[in-house]
Structures are given as structure tokens and as C-alpha cells.
């Protein structure tokens, strides 16, 4: 038991240490910045670039299948998708699950809509956007620039108001 605890705390220490090194050495994106050309894989294993979505607003949901607050937002995300179906906005869910199969099963089981992408252990996206906790919601404009790095959750009525007020949506 003691060895397990030591291993756990050592892992946490390394995680925190690596985060501090990143924050000092690399640029964290801010509002107004152009998003980098991140590539993720969809449920079918096909590579997809976020830059392919230029011309539409992009509402990004960073989540994981093991995260209860993330899962509780899924029905609210569906409602947003339905209400904004004919608008110039794409809903993208990016999974940070460590085990790809768990993510794939969740997407299929819940019949999740929108664009479902997987980044797994590639933390470049999380570091660039400064994501420390999930769920996290990010809004990108039609030109690929960050509008809001910390959008309210889909369950918050303010989210729909913000999205409906976007110019040219």
C-alpha cells in the first residue's frame, strides 16, 4: 500500500513539474490568437485538422468519458446543437481519454453528435490552450481565431445567448 501511494504521489509530482516547465518555456494561447493546426483522429481513425473548419464558428468541448461533469454536459450539448443546427457553427468534442476504446464506446453508446475527435496522450493541445481541468469549452471564430478560452458550459443559459449574439452566425 505504501509503495502504491509513493508511486501515486511521484506521478503527481512529475505531472506538476512538467506543467511548470511548459508554462515557462512555451506560449499559451490567448483570445485573438489564431489556433495552431492541431490534428486529431475521429471515431473512424481518420485524421482531422481543426483548420478544416474555417468559415464557421467552432465550439470546442474538451472532455473525457471517465469525467462525471463532462458526461453531464452531453445532453445540454445536444440541445445547443439542435437549436443552432442551421447556423454557421460546428460543435467539436475532443476527448482526452487515455484509453481510446473507452472513448469510442462512449461515443457509440450515447450516439454523440457533432464532430467527435480524440487526442489521447498528446498534450500539445491541452498545453497550448492552457487546459488544466475538464470539462473545458472554447469558442473559435470563422477565421480560426480564439474568441473565448473559457466559455460557460452548455448547461448554462448564458452559453446560448453568447452563441446567438455572434456576428454572422
Protein backbone atom coordinates (compact mmCIF):
# COMPACT_ATOMS: atom_id res chain seq x y z
CA UNK A 1 0.00 0.00 0.00
CA UNK A 2 2.80 2.41 0.87
CA UNK A 3 4.51 1.68 -2.46
CA UNK A 4 1.28 2.44 -4.32
CA UNK A 5 0.93 5.77 -2.50
CA UNK A 6 4.56 6.66 -3.15
CA UNK A 7 4.09 5.86 -6.83
CA UNK A 8 0.90 7.92 -6.97
CA UNK A 9 2.48 10.99 -5.34
CA UNK A 10 5.57 10.66 -7.51
CA UNK A 11 3.36 10.64 -10.61
CA UNK A 12 1.52 13.75 -9.39
CA UNK A 13 4.86 15.47 -8.70
CA UNK A 14 6.12 14.70 -12.23
CA UNK A 15 2.84 15.88 -13.74
CA UNK A 16 3.01 19.19 -11.88
CA UNK A 17 6.68 19.61 -12.67
CA UNK A 18 6.12 19.05 -16.38
CA UNK A 19 3.29 21.61 -16.35
CA UNK A 20 5.55 24.21 -14.76
CA UNK A 21 8.29 23.60 -17.32
CA UNK A 22 5.77 24.04 -20.14
CA UNK A 23 4.34 27.26 -18.75
CA UNK A 24 7.78 28.84 -18.60
CA UNK A 25 9.02 27.66 -21.98
CA UNK A 26 6.07 27.65 -24.37
CA UNK A 27 3.41 30.11 -25.36
CA UNK A 28 -0.10 29.56 -24.06
CA UNK A 29 -2.72 30.82 -26.50
CA UNK A 30 -4.86 33.82 -25.66
CA UNK A 31 -8.02 35.35 -27.07
CA UNK A 32 -7.44 36.74 -30.56
CA UNK A 33 -4.70 34.21 -31.39
CA UNK A 34 -5.01 32.01 -34.46
CA UNK A 35 -5.40 28.38 -33.43
CA UNK A 36 -2.49 26.15 -34.38
CA UNK A 37 -3.04 23.37 -36.90
CA UNK A 38 -3.84 20.59 -34.42
CA UNK A 39 -4.60 17.22 -35.90
CA UNK A 40 -6.87 14.75 -34.13
CA UNK A 41 -8.48 11.46 -35.14
CA UNK A 42 -12.20 10.89 -35.43
CA UNK A 43 -14.11 7.77 -34.33
CA UNK A 44 -13.22 6.03 -37.61
CA UNK A 45 -9.50 6.74 -37.14
CA UNK A 46 -9.37 9.38 -39.88
CA UNK A 47 -7.07 12.32 -39.16
CA UNK A 48 -8.80 15.68 -38.94
CA UNK A 49 -7.42 19.22 -38.64
CA UNK A 50 -9.21 21.96 -36.73
CA UNK A 51 -8.13 24.34 -39.50
CA UNK A 52 -10.57 22.50 -41.82
CA UNK A 53 -13.38 24.30 -40.01
CA UNK A 54 -12.54 27.84 -41.15
CA UNK A 55 -15.62 29.72 -42.29
CA UNK A 56 -17.71 28.61 -39.31
CA UNK A 57 -17.62 29.28 -35.62
CA UNK A 58 -16.27 26.33 -33.63
CA UNK A 59 -17.47 25.43 -30.13
CA UNK A 60 -14.91 23.04 -28.65
CA UNK A 61 -15.70 20.71 -25.75
CA UNK A 62 -12.61 19.19 -24.10
CA UNK A 63 -13.81 16.17 -22.15
CA UNK A 64 -13.24 12.53 -21.11
CA UNK A 65 -15.56 9.55 -20.72
CA UNK A 66 -14.47 8.99 -17.09
CA UNK A 67 -15.35 12.59 -16.08
CA UNK A 68 -18.85 12.89 -14.48
CA UNK A 69 -19.14 16.69 -15.02
CA UNK A 70 -18.16 16.17 -18.67
CA UNK A 71 -20.78 13.49 -19.15
CA UNK A 72 -23.47 15.61 -17.50
CA UNK A 73 -22.94 18.27 -20.20
CA UNK A 74 -23.60 15.87 -23.11
CA UNK A 75 -27.42 16.29 -23.11
CA UNK A 76 -27.02 20.08 -22.94
CA UNK A 77 -24.55 19.99 -25.83
CA UNK A 78 -27.19 18.12 -27.87
CA UNK A 79 -29.71 20.86 -27.13
CA UNK A 80 -27.27 23.53 -28.33
CA UNK A 81 -26.55 21.50 -31.47
CA UNK A 82 -30.28 21.22 -32.22
CA UNK A 83 -31.02 24.90 -31.57
CA UNK A 84 -28.10 26.03 -33.74
CA UNK A 85 -28.33 23.35 -36.43
CA UNK A 86 -28.90 25.82 -39.26
CA UNK A 87 -26.30 28.31 -38.08
CA UNK A 88 -22.66 28.69 -39.10
CA UNK A 89 -21.26 26.84 -36.10
CA UNK A 90 -19.66 23.42 -35.63
CA UNK A 91 -19.61 21.56 -32.33
CA UNK A 92 -16.39 19.67 -31.73
CA UNK A 93 -15.78 17.33 -28.80
CA UNK A 94 -12.13 16.50 -28.16
CA UNK A 95 -11.52 13.56 -25.87
CA UNK A 96 -8.53 13.39 -23.55
CA UNK A 97 -9.28 9.79 -22.57
CA UNK A 98 -6.14 7.73 -22.03
CA UNK A 99 -7.83 4.59 -23.34
CA UNK A 100 -9.16 5.14 -26.86
CA UNK A 101 -11.57 2.19 -26.70
CA UNK A 102 -13.40 3.69 -23.70
CA UNK A 103 -13.94 6.91 -25.66
CA UNK A 104 -15.12 5.05 -28.77
CA UNK A 105 -17.60 3.01 -26.72
CA UNK A 106 -18.99 6.13 -25.02
CA UNK A 107 -19.46 7.96 -28.34
CA UNK A 108 -21.32 4.98 -29.82
CA UNK A 109 -23.33 4.17 -26.69
CA UNK A 110 -24.58 7.74 -26.28
CA UNK A 111 -24.91 8.31 -30.04
CA UNK A 112 -22.99 11.54 -29.66
CA UNK A 113 -23.46 14.09 -32.42
CA UNK A 114 -21.14 16.81 -33.64
CA UNK A 115 -17.56 16.17 -34.58
CA UNK A 116 -16.01 13.64 -32.17
CA UNK A 117 -12.21 13.76 -32.03
CA UNK A 118 -9.56 12.03 -29.93
CA UNK A 119 -6.20 13.39 -28.77
CA UNK A 120 -5.45 10.80 -26.09
CA UNK A 121 -1.97 11.24 -24.64
CA UNK A 122 -0.97 14.10 -26.97
CA UNK A 123 -0.93 17.01 -24.55
CA UNK A 124 0.19 19.69 -27.03
CA UNK A 125 -3.42 20.83 -27.49
CA UNK A 126 -4.09 20.99 -23.73
CA UNK A 127 -0.88 22.87 -23.05
CA UNK A 128 -1.42 25.35 -25.89
CA UNK A 129 -4.95 26.18 -24.69
CA UNK A 130 -3.93 26.17 -21.02
CA UNK A 131 -6.43 23.42 -20.18
CA UNK A 132 -5.83 22.28 -16.62
CA UNK A 133 -9.29 20.88 -15.81
CA UNK A 134 -12.18 19.39 -17.77
CA UNK A 135 -14.77 19.92 -18.99
CA UNK A 136 -13.48 22.97 -20.79
CA UNK A 137 -15.26 24.86 -23.54
CA UNK A 138 -13.55 27.07 -26.11
CA UNK A 139 -15.03 29.28 -28.85
CA UNK A 140 -13.19 29.94 -32.13
CA UNK A 141 -14.35 32.40 -34.79
CA UNK A 142 -14.81 31.86 -38.53
CA UNK A 143 -11.22 32.91 -39.24
CA UNK A 144 -9.76 30.41 -36.77
CA UNK A 145 -9.09 32.94 -34.01
CA UNK A 146 -9.88 32.30 -30.36
CA UNK A 147 -12.92 34.24 -29.18
CA UNK A 148 -13.23 32.79 -25.67
CA UNK A 149 -10.91 30.30 -23.94
CA UNK A 150 -13.31 29.67 -21.06
CA UNK A 151 -16.84 29.59 -22.42
CA UNK A 152 -19.64 28.80 -19.99
CA UNK A 153 -20.84 25.19 -20.01
CA UNK A 154 -23.66 24.20 -22.39
CA UNK A 155 -25.94 23.78 -19.34
CA UNK A 156 -25.56 27.50 -18.58
CA UNK A 157 -28.30 29.53 -20.36
CA UNK A 158 -25.70 32.26 -20.98
CA UNK A 159 -23.95 29.97 -23.48
CA UNK A 160 -26.84 30.02 -25.96
CA UNK A 161 -27.14 33.80 -25.56
CA UNK A 162 -23.43 34.27 -26.31
CA UNK A 163 -23.57 32.00 -29.35
CA UNK A 164 -26.75 33.60 -30.76
CA UNK A 165 -25.14 37.05 -30.43
CA UNK A 166 -22.15 36.12 -32.62
CA UNK A 167 -21.82 38.24 -35.75
CA UNK A 168 -22.82 36.31 -38.87
CA UNK A 169 -23.79 33.13 -37.11
